[in-house]
Every structure is written in C-alpha cells, then in structure tokens.
Amino acid sequence: MLLVSPTGSGKSLCFQLPSVLRPGTACVISPLKALMSDQISELQRKKLPGTFINSDLDKEEKSARYELLANGVFKFLYVAPER
C-alpha cells in the first residue's frame, strides 16, 4: 500500500497502534530529526515510553538510552538510518 497524505493526517498511527498492541519495542527509522523529536514528545504525552537516537545526542546520552533500551524501558525507538 502507498499512502500519500499531508503532515498531521495520522500516517504514524499505521505503525504506532500495532506496536502498542504487541509486546516488545518498535524500531522506527526516520531521516528527519525534527520528526523524531515531535513523535517522541507526542508519544510521551500519551504515556507511551519512547526515545530517539541520532547525532544530536552526546556519547553519554546515547549510552544511557541504549542501556534503558536493553532493559526494555521503551515501547518506541526512533533512529536515524545510519544507526
């Protein structure tokens, strides 16, 4: 299926809802850093644990997030394609 629709029309729901209903962490690959931050902020407002890892983070913050990921804390992980 190919869906072309404007920003804010609910495309993310296509992968977020199934991810919430299943166990484990959903890994979302996105080249847009601003989108990662916006998506995680919105998920956290809805009490869904998530984070992103990209080049904006320093080494210590990345390490902390990887450790939390290994402990199963996050439901959603947004990463840049190079990760």
PDB file of N, CA and C in Angstrom:
ATOM      1  N   MET A   1       0.845  -1.169   0.000  1.00  0.00           N
ATOM      2  CA  MET A   1       0.000   0.000   0.000  1.00  0.00           C
ATOM      3  C   MET A   1       0.891   1.232   0.000  1.00  0.00           C
ATOM      4  N   LEU A   2       0.515   2.219  -0.764  1.00  0.00           N
ATOM      5  CA  LEU A   2       1.199   3.512  -0.776  1.00  0.00           C
ATOM      6  C   LEU A   2       0.210   4.560  -0.315  1.00  0.00           C
ATOM      7  N   LEU A   3       0.587   5.299   0.714  1.00  0.00           N
ATOM      8  CA  LEU A   3      -0.272   6.344   1.244  1.00  0.00           C
ATOM      9  C   LEU A   3       0.480   7.658   1.173  1.00  0.00           C
ATOM     10  N   VAL A   4      -0.073   8.598   0.454  1.00  0.00           N
ATOM     11  CA  VAL A   4       0.498   9.939   0.367  1.00  0.00           C
ATOM     12  C   VAL A   4      -0.540  10.882   0.952  1.00  0.00           C
ATOM     13  N   SER A   5      -0.195  11.490   2.073  1.00  0.00           N
ATOM     14  CA  SER A   5      -1.123  12.408   2.715  1.00  0.00           C
ATOM     15  C   SER A   5      -0.330  13.475   3.456  1.00  0.00           C
ATOM     16  N   PRO A   6      -0.974  14.585   3.785  1.00  0.00           N
ATOM     17  CA  PRO A   6      -0.253  15.704   4.394  1.00  0.00           C
ATOM     18  C   PRO A   6       0.184  15.418   5.836  1.00  0.00           C
ATOM     19  N   THR A   7       1.137  16.194   6.289  1.00  0.00           N
ATOM     20  CA  THR A   7       1.604  16.107   7.665  1.00  0.00           C
ATOM     21  C   THR A   7       0.425  16.292   8.616  1.00  0.00           C
ATOM     22  N   GLY A   8       0.401  15.471   9.644  1.00  0.00           N
ATOM     23  CA  GLY A   8      -0.653  15.585  10.644  1.00  0.00           C
ATOM     24  C   GLY A   8      -1.922  14.823  10.321  1.00  0.00           C
ATOM     25  N   SER A   9      -1.895  14.012   9.271  1.00  0.00           N
ATOM     26  CA  SER A   9      -3.106  13.298   8.866  1.00  0.00           C
ATOM     27  C   SER A   9      -3.228  11.908   9.486  1.00  0.00           C
ATOM     28  N   GLY A  10      -2.262  11.508  10.289  1.00  0.00           N
ATOM     29  CA  GLY A  10      -2.378  10.240  11.002  1.00  0.00           C
ATOM     30  C   GLY A  10      -1.613   9.067  10.421  1.00  0.00           C
ATOM     31  N   LYS A  11      -0.652   9.328   9.542  1.00  0.00           N
ATOM     32  CA  LYS A  11       0.110   8.220   8.941  1.00  0.00           C
ATOM     33  C   LYS A  11       0.840   7.401   9.999  1.00  0.00           C
ATOM     34  N   SER A  12       1.362   8.049  11.026  1.00  0.00           N
ATOM     35  CA  SER A  12       2.128   7.343  12.058  1.00  0.00           C
ATOM     36  C   SER A  12       1.283   6.329  12.801  1.00  0.00           C
ATOM     37  N   LEU A  13      -0.001   6.554  12.872  1.00  0.00           N
ATOM     38  CA  LEU A  13      -0.891   5.620  13.544  1.00  0.00           C
ATOM     39  C   LEU A  13      -0.842   4.239  12.901  1.00  0.00           C
ATOM     40  N   CYS A  14      -0.483   4.182  11.621  1.00  0.00           N
ATOM     41  CA  CYS A  14      -0.408   2.904  10.899  1.00  0.00           C
ATOM     42  C   CYS A  14       0.612   1.948  11.514  1.00  0.00           C
ATOM     43  N   PHE A  15       1.668   2.466  12.142  1.00  0.00           N
ATOM     44  CA  PHE A  15       2.631   1.582  12.805  1.00  0.00           C
ATOM     45  C   PHE A  15       2.582   1.727  14.316  1.00  0.00           C
ATOM     46  N   GLN A  16       2.092   2.847  14.827  1.00  0.00           N
ATOM     47  CA  GLN A  16       2.062   3.027  16.275  1.00  0.00           C
ATOM     48  C   GLN A  16       1.025   2.139  16.948  1.00  0.00           C
ATOM     49  N   LEU A  17      -0.160   2.063  16.399  1.00  0.00           N
ATOM     50  CA  LEU A  17      -1.206   1.258  17.022  1.00  0.00           C
ATOM     51  C   LEU A  17      -0.825  -0.224  17.088  1.00  0.00           C
ATOM     52  N   PRO A  18      -0.394  -0.839  15.983  1.00  0.00           N
ATOM     53  CA  PRO A  18       0.024  -2.246  16.099  1.00  0.00           C
ATOM     54  C   PRO A  18       1.178  -2.439  17.097  1.00  0.00           C
ATOM     55  N   SER A  19       2.061  -1.471  17.187  1.00  0.00           N
ATOM     56  CA  SER A  19       3.194  -1.571  18.109  1.00  0.00           C
ATOM     57  C   SER A  19       2.735  -1.532  19.560  1.00  0.00           C
ATOM     58  N   VAL A  20       1.730  -0.732  19.844  1.00  0.00           N
ATOM     59  CA  VAL A  20       1.200  -0.652  21.204  1.00  0.00           C
ATOM     60  C   VAL A  20       0.529  -1.970  21.591  1.00  0.00           C
ATOM     61  N   LEU A  21      -0.108  -2.611  20.639  1.00  0.00           N
ATOM     62  CA  LEU A  21      -0.856  -3.826  20.915  1.00  0.00           C
ATOM     63  C   LEU A  21       0.011  -5.081  21.016  1.00  0.00           C
ATOM     64  N   ARG A  22       1.261  -4.989  20.581  1.00  0.00           N
ATOM     65  CA  ARG A  22       2.154  -6.149  20.592  1.00  0.00           C
ATOM     66  C   ARG A  22       3.262  -5.940  21.617  1.00  0.00           C
ATOM     67  N   PRO A  23       3.828  -7.023  22.124  1.00  0.00           N
ATOM     68  CA  PRO A  23       4.949  -6.881  23.062  1.00  0.00           C
ATOM     69  C   PRO A  23       6.221  -6.445  22.347  1.00  0.00           C
ATOM     70  N   GLY A  24       7.134  -5.877  23.100  1.00  0.00           N
ATOM     71  CA  GLY A  24       8.430  -5.506  22.542  1.00  0.00           C
ATOM     72  C   GLY A  24       8.520  -4.044  22.179  1.00  0.00           C
ATOM     73  N   THR A  25       9.634  -3.700  21.568  1.00  0.00           N
ATOM     74  CA  THR A  25       9.933  -2.329  21.172  1.00  0.00           C
ATOM     75  C   THR A  25       9.830  -2.190  19.665  1.00  0.00           C
ATOM     76  N   ALA A  26       9.158  -1.143  19.218  1.00  0.00           N
ATOM     77  CA  ALA A  26       9.076  -0.848  17.789  1.00  0.00           C
ATOM     78  C   ALA A  26      10.243   0.058  17.424  1.00  0.00           C
ATOM     79  N   CYS A  27      10.952  -0.311  16.383  1.00  0.00           N
ATOM     80  CA  CYS A  27      12.065   0.497  15.889  1.00  0.00           C
ATOM     81  C   CYS A  27      11.606   1.225  14.635  1.00  0.00           C
ATOM     82  N   VAL A  28      11.634   2.556  14.697  1.00  0.00           N
ATOM     83  CA  VAL A  28      11.182   3.391  13.593  1.00  0.00           C
ATOM     84  C   VAL A  28      12.403   4.083  13.005  1.00  0.00           C
ATOM     85  N   ILE A  29      12.639   3.894  11.723  1.00  0.00           N
ATOM     86  CA  ILE A  29      13.782   4.517  11.060  1.00  0.00           C
ATOM     87  C   ILE A  29      13.286   5.766  10.347  1.00  0.00           C
ATOM     88  N   SER A  30      13.870   6.898  10.726  1.00  0.00           N
ATOM     89  CA  SER A  30      13.443   8.175  10.163  1.00  0.00           C
ATOM     90  C   SER A  30      14.664   9.065   9.922  1.00  0.00           C
ATOM     91  N   PRO A  31      14.770   9.642   8.734  1.00  0.00           N
ATOM     92  CA  PRO A  31      15.896  10.536   8.471  1.00  0.00           C
ATOM     93  C   PRO A  31      15.671  11.952   8.998  1.00  0.00           C
ATOM     94  N   LEU A  32      14.493  12.227   9.533  1.00  0.00           N
ATOM     95  CA  LEU A  32      14.146  13.582   9.963  1.00  0.00           C
ATOM     96  C   LEU A  32      14.243  13.724  11.482  1.00  0.00           C
ATOM     97  N   LYS A  33      15.262  14.441  11.947  1.00  0.00           N
ATOM     98  CA  LYS A  33      15.479  14.604  13.384  1.00  0.00           C
ATOM     99  C   LYS A  33      14.316  15.329  14.050  1.00  0.00           C
ATOM    100  N   ALA A  34      13.798  16.346  13.415  1.00  0.00           N
ATOM    101  CA  ALA A  34      12.689  17.102  13.992  1.00  0.00           C
ATOM    102  C   ALA A  34      11.458  16.206  14.147  1.00  0.00           C
ATOM    103  N   LEU A  35      11.230  15.331  13.181  1.00  0.00           N
ATOM    104  CA  LEU A  35      10.097  14.415  13.263  1.00  0.00           C
ATOM    105  C   LEU A  35      10.272  13.446  14.429  1.00  0.00           C
ATOM    106  N   MET A  36      11.486  12.944  14.621  1.00  0.00           N
ATOM    107  CA  MET A  36      11.751  12.045  15.750  1.00  0.00           C
ATOM    108  C   MET A  36      11.359  12.706  17.060  1.00  0.00           C
ATOM    109  N   SER A  37      11.843  13.900  17.259  1.00  0.00           N
ATOM    110  CA  SER A  37      11.580  14.623  18.497  1.00  0.00           C
ATOM    111  C   SER A  37      10.086  14.883  18.681  1.00  0.00           C
ATOM    112  N   ASP A  38       9.418  15.317  17.635  1.00  0.00           N
ATOM    113  CA  ASP A  38       7.979  15.578  17.707  1.00  0.00           C
ATOM    114  C   ASP A  38       7.195  14.311  18.021  1.00  0.00           C
ATOM    115  N   GLN A  39       7.541  13.218  17.346  1.00  0.00           N
ATOM    116  CA  GLN A  39       6.837  11.956  17.560  1.00  0.00           C
ATOM    117  C   GLN A  39       7.022  11.457  18.995  1.00  0.00           C
ATOM    118  N   ILE A  40       8.243  11.505  19.505  1.00  0.00           N
ATOM    119  CA  ILE A  40       8.508  11.046  20.867  1.00  0.00           C
ATOM    120  C   ILE A  40       7.801  11.935  21.881  1.00  0.00           C
ATOM    121  N   SER A  41       7.802  13.224  21.667  1.00  0.00           N
ATOM    122  CA  SER A  41       7.095  14.138  22.574  1.00  0.00           C
ATOM    123  C   SER A  41       5.608  13.795  22.636  1.00  0.00           C
ATOM    124  N   GLU A  42       5.019  13.549  21.486  1.00  0.00           N
ATOM    125  CA  GLU A  42       3.601  13.203  21.432  1.00  0.00           C
ATOM    126  C   GLU A  42       3.328  11.856  22.100  1.00  0.00           C
ATOM    127  N   LEU A  43       4.189  10.865  21.853  1.00  0.00           N
ATOM    128  CA  LEU A  43       4.014   9.562  22.498  1.00  0.00           C
ATOM    129  C   LEU A  43       4.123   9.682  24.018  1.00  0.00           C
ATOM    130  N   GLN A  44       5.075  10.462  24.501  1.00  0.00           N
ATOM    131  CA  GLN A  44       5.253  10.627  25.941  1.00  0.00           C
ATOM    132  C   GLN A  44       4.067  11.344  26.570  1.00  0.00           C
ATOM    133  N   ARG A  45       3.467  12.288  25.846  1.00  0.00           N
ATOM    134  CA  ARG A  45       2.248  12.945  26.348  1.00  0.00           C
ATOM    135  C   ARG A  45       1.118  11.938  26.517  1.00  0.00           C
ATOM    136  N   LYS A  46       1.147  10.890  25.699  1.00  0.00           N
ATOM    137  CA  LYS A  46       0.137   9.832  25.780  1.00  0.00           C
ATOM    138  C   LYS A  46       0.565   8.703  26.706  1.00  0.00           C
ATOM    139  N   LYS A  47       1.641   8.939  27.479  1.00  0.00           N
ATOM    140  CA  LYS A  47       2.157   7.958  28.447  1.00  0.00           C
ATOM    141  C   LYS A  47       2.701   6.694  27.791  1.00  0.00           C
ATOM    142  N   LEU A  48       3.226   6.828  26.572  1.00  0.00           N
ATOM    143  CA  LEU A  48       3.876   5.719  25.880  1.00  0.00           C
ATOM    144  C   LEU A  48       5.379   5.976  25.880  1.00  0.00           C
ATOM    145  N   PRO A  49       6.163   5.095  26.501  1.00  0.00           N
ATOM    146  CA  PRO A  49       7.598   5.337  26.627  1.00  0.00           C
ATOM    147  C   PRO A  49       8.340   5.166  25.300  1.00  0.00           C
ATOM    148  N   GLY A  50       9.075   6.187  24.953  1.00  0.00           N
ATOM    149  CA  GLY A  50       9.848   6.133  23.719  1.00  0.00           C
ATOM    150  C   GLY A  50      11.032   7.067  23.775  1.00  0.00           C
ATOM    151  N   THR A  51      11.939   6.870  22.848  1.00  0.00           N
ATOM    152  CA  THR A  51      13.108   7.735  22.756  1.00  0.00           C
ATOM    153  C   THR A  51      13.607   7.732  21.325  1.00  0.00           C
ATOM    154  N   PHE A  52      14.574   8.585  21.064  1.00  0.00           N
ATOM    155  CA  PHE A  52      15.232   8.594  19.766  1.00  0.00           C
ATOM    156  C   PHE A  52      16.733   8.580  19.980  1.00  0.00           C
ATOM    157  N   ILE A  53      17.439   8.102  18.987  1.00  0.00           N
ATOM    158  CA  ILE A  53      18.904   8.126  19.000  1.00  0.00           C
ATOM    159  C   ILE A  53      19.355   8.641  17.642  1.00  0.00           C
ATOM    160  N   ASN A  54      20.037   9.784  17.682  1.00  0.00           N
ATOM    161  CA  ASN A  54      20.582  10.363  16.454  1.00  0.00           C
ATOM    162  C   ASN A  54      21.831  11.167  16.790  1.00  0.00           C
ATOM    163  N   SER A  55      22.379  11.833  15.818  1.00  0.00           N
ATOM    164  CA  SER A  55      23.650  12.534  16.004  1.00  0.00           C
ATOM    165  C   SER A  55      23.539  13.788  16.859  1.00  0.00           C
ATOM    166  N   ASP A  56      22.344  14.200  17.248  1.00  0.00           N
ATOM    167  CA  ASP A  56      22.186  15.356  18.132  1.00  0.00           C
ATOM    168  C   ASP A  56      22.579  15.044  19.576  1.00  0.00           C
ATOM    169  N   LEU A  57      22.649  13.772  19.912  1.00  0.00           N
ATOM    170  CA  LEU A  57      22.935  13.365  21.286  1.00  0.00           C
ATOM    171  C   LEU A  57      24.424  13.143  21.496  1.00  0.00           C
ATOM    172  N   ASP A  58      24.886  13.489  22.702  1.00  0.00           N
ATOM    173  CA  ASP A  58      26.291  13.210  23.000  1.00  0.00           C
ATOM    174  C   ASP A  58      26.455  11.742  23.392  1.00  0.00           C
ATOM    175  N   LYS A  59      27.700  11.327  23.509  1.00  0.00           N
ATOM    176  CA  LYS A  59      28.024   9.913  23.750  1.00  0.00           C
ATOM    177  C   LYS A  59      27.373   9.386  25.034  1.00  0.00           C
ATOM    178  N   GLU A  60      27.400  10.181  26.095  1.00  0.00           N
ATOM    179  CA  GLU A  60      26.843   9.740  27.373  1.00  0.00           C
ATOM    180  C   GLU A  60      25.331   9.545  27.282  1.00  0.00           C
ATOM    181  N   GLU A  61      24.647  10.465  26.622  1.00  0.00           N
ATOM    182  CA  GLU A  61      23.195  10.354  26.480  1.00  0.00           C
ATOM    183  C   GLU A  61      22.827   9.151  25.621  1.00  0.00           C
ATOM    184  N   LYS A  62      23.568   8.921  24.563  1.00  0.00           N
ATOM    185  CA  LYS A  62      23.320   7.731  23.734  1.00  0.00           C
ATOM    186  C   LYS A  62      23.504   6.459  24.548  1.00  0.00           C
ATOM    187  N   SER A  63      24.577   6.394  25.333  1.00  0.00           N
ATOM    188  CA  SER A  63      24.841   5.216  26.165  1.00  0.00           C
ATOM    189  C   SER A  63      23.712   4.983  27.159  1.00  0.00           C
ATOM    190  N   ALA A  64      23.225   6.054  27.769  1.00  0.00           N
ATOM    191  CA  ALA A  64      22.135   5.932  28.736  1.00  0.00           C
ATOM    192  C   ALA A  64      20.873   5.402  28.051  1.00  0.00           C
ATOM    193  N   ARG A  65      20.589   5.899  26.876  1.00  0.00           N
ATOM    194  CA  ARG A  65      19.395   5.446  26.155  1.00  0.00           C
ATOM    195  C   ARG A  65      19.535   4.001  25.691  1.00  0.00           C
ATOM    196  N   TYR A  66      20.723   3.604  25.248  1.00  0.00           N
ATOM    197  CA  TYR A  66      20.945   2.207  24.859  1.00  0.00           C
ATOM    198  C   TYR A  66      20.768   1.275  26.067  1.00  0.00           C
ATOM    199  N   GLU A  67      21.223   1.704  27.231  1.00  0.00           N
ATOM    200  CA  GLU A  67      21.071   0.889  28.435  1.00  0.00           C
ATOM    201  C   GLU A  67      19.590   0.734  28.799  1.00  0.00           C
ATOM    202  N   LEU A  68      18.848   1.823  28.753  1.00  0.00           N
ATOM    203  CA  LEU A  68      17.409   1.750  29.026  1.00  0.00           C
ATOM    204  C   LEU A  68      16.707   0.858  27.998  1.00  0.00           C
ATOM    205  N   LEU A  69      17.138   0.946  26.747  1.00  0.00           N
ATOM    206  CA  LEU A  69      16.572   0.100  25.696  1.00  0.00           C
ATOM    207  C   LEU A  69      16.829  -1.373  26.005  1.00  0.00           C
ATOM    208  N   ALA A  70      18.032  -1.692  26.425  1.00  0.00           N
ATOM    209  CA  ALA A  70      18.382  -3.073  26.759  1.00  0.00           C
ATOM    210  C   ALA A  70      17.557  -3.595  27.935  1.00  0.00           C
ATOM    211  N   ASN A  71      17.123  -2.681  28.806  1.00  0.00           N
ATOM    212  CA  ASN A  71      16.313  -3.061  29.962  1.00  0.00           C
ATOM    213  C   ASN A  71      14.818  -3.083  29.638  1.00  0.00           C
ATOM    214  N   GLY A  72      14.468  -2.861  28.392  1.00  0.00           N
ATOM    215  CA  GLY A  72      13.073  -2.963  27.980  1.00  0.00           C
ATOM    216  C   GLY A  72      12.190  -1.800  28.400  1.00  0.00           C
ATOM    217  N   VAL A  73      12.780  -0.649  28.646  1.00  0.00           N
ATOM    218  CA  VAL A  73      12.014   0.505  29.119  1.00  0.00           C
ATOM    219  C   VAL A  73      11.150   1.123  28.022  1.00  0.00           C
ATOM    220  N   PHE A  74      11.627   1.112  26.783  1.00  0.00           N
ATOM    221  CA  PHE A  74      10.956   1.841  25.714  1.00  0.00           C
ATOM    222  C   PHE A  74      10.024   0.968  24.886  1.00  0.00           C
ATOM    223  N   LYS A  75       8.915   1.547  24.490  1.00  0.00           N
ATOM    224  CA  LYS A  75       7.987   0.903  23.560  1.00  0.00           C
ATOM    225  C   LYS A  75       8.331   1.302  22.121  1.00  0.00           C
ATOM    226  N   PHE A  76       8.901   2.508  21.966  1.00  0.00           N
ATOM    227  CA  PHE A  76       9.255   3.028  20.642  1.00  0.00           C
ATOM    228  C   PHE A  76      10.685   3.551  20.656  1.00  0.00           C
ATOM    229  N   LEU A  77      11.416   3.220  19.617  1.00  0.00           N
ATOM    230  CA  LEU A  77      12.768   3.741  19.428  1.00  0.00           C
ATOM    231  C   LEU A  77      12.851   4.292  18.015  1.00  0.00           C
ATOM    232  N   TYR A  78      13.118   5.581  17.914  1.00  0.00           N
ATOM    233  CA  TYR A  78      13.317   6.232  16.622  1.00  0.00           C
ATOM    234  C   TYR A  78      14.808   6.377  16.405  1.00  0.00           C
ATOM    235  N   VAL A  79      15.274   5.943  15.250  1.00  0.00           N
ATOM    236  CA  VAL A  79      16.695   6.023  14.930  1.00  0.00           C
ATOM    237  C   VAL A  79      16.885   6.585  13.528  1.00  0.00           C
ATOM    238  N   ALA A  80      18.042   7.216  13.341  1.00  0.00           N
ATOM    239  CA  ALA A  80      18.413   7.704  12.021  1.00  0.00           C
ATOM    240  C   ALA A  80      18.896   6.519  11.188  1.00  0.00           C
ATOM    241  N   PRO A  81      18.790   6.599   9.883  1.00  0.00           N
ATOM    242  CA  PRO A  81      19.194   5.477   9.026  1.00  0.00           C
ATOM    243  C   PRO A  81      20.625   4.998   9.242  1.00  0.00           C
ATOM    244  N   GLU A  82      21.540   5.888   9.603  1.00  0.00           N
ATOM    245  CA  GLU A  82      22.936   5.486   9.792  1.00  0.00           C
ATOM    246  C   GLU A  82      23.146   4.678  11.063  1.00  0.00           C
ATOM    247  N   ARG A  83      22.193   4.643  11.967  1.00  0.00           N
ATOM    248  CA  ARG A  83      22.298   3.858  13.194  1.00  0.00           C
ATOM    249  C   ARG A  83      22.055   2.408  12.871  1.00  0.00           C
TER     250      ARG A  83
END
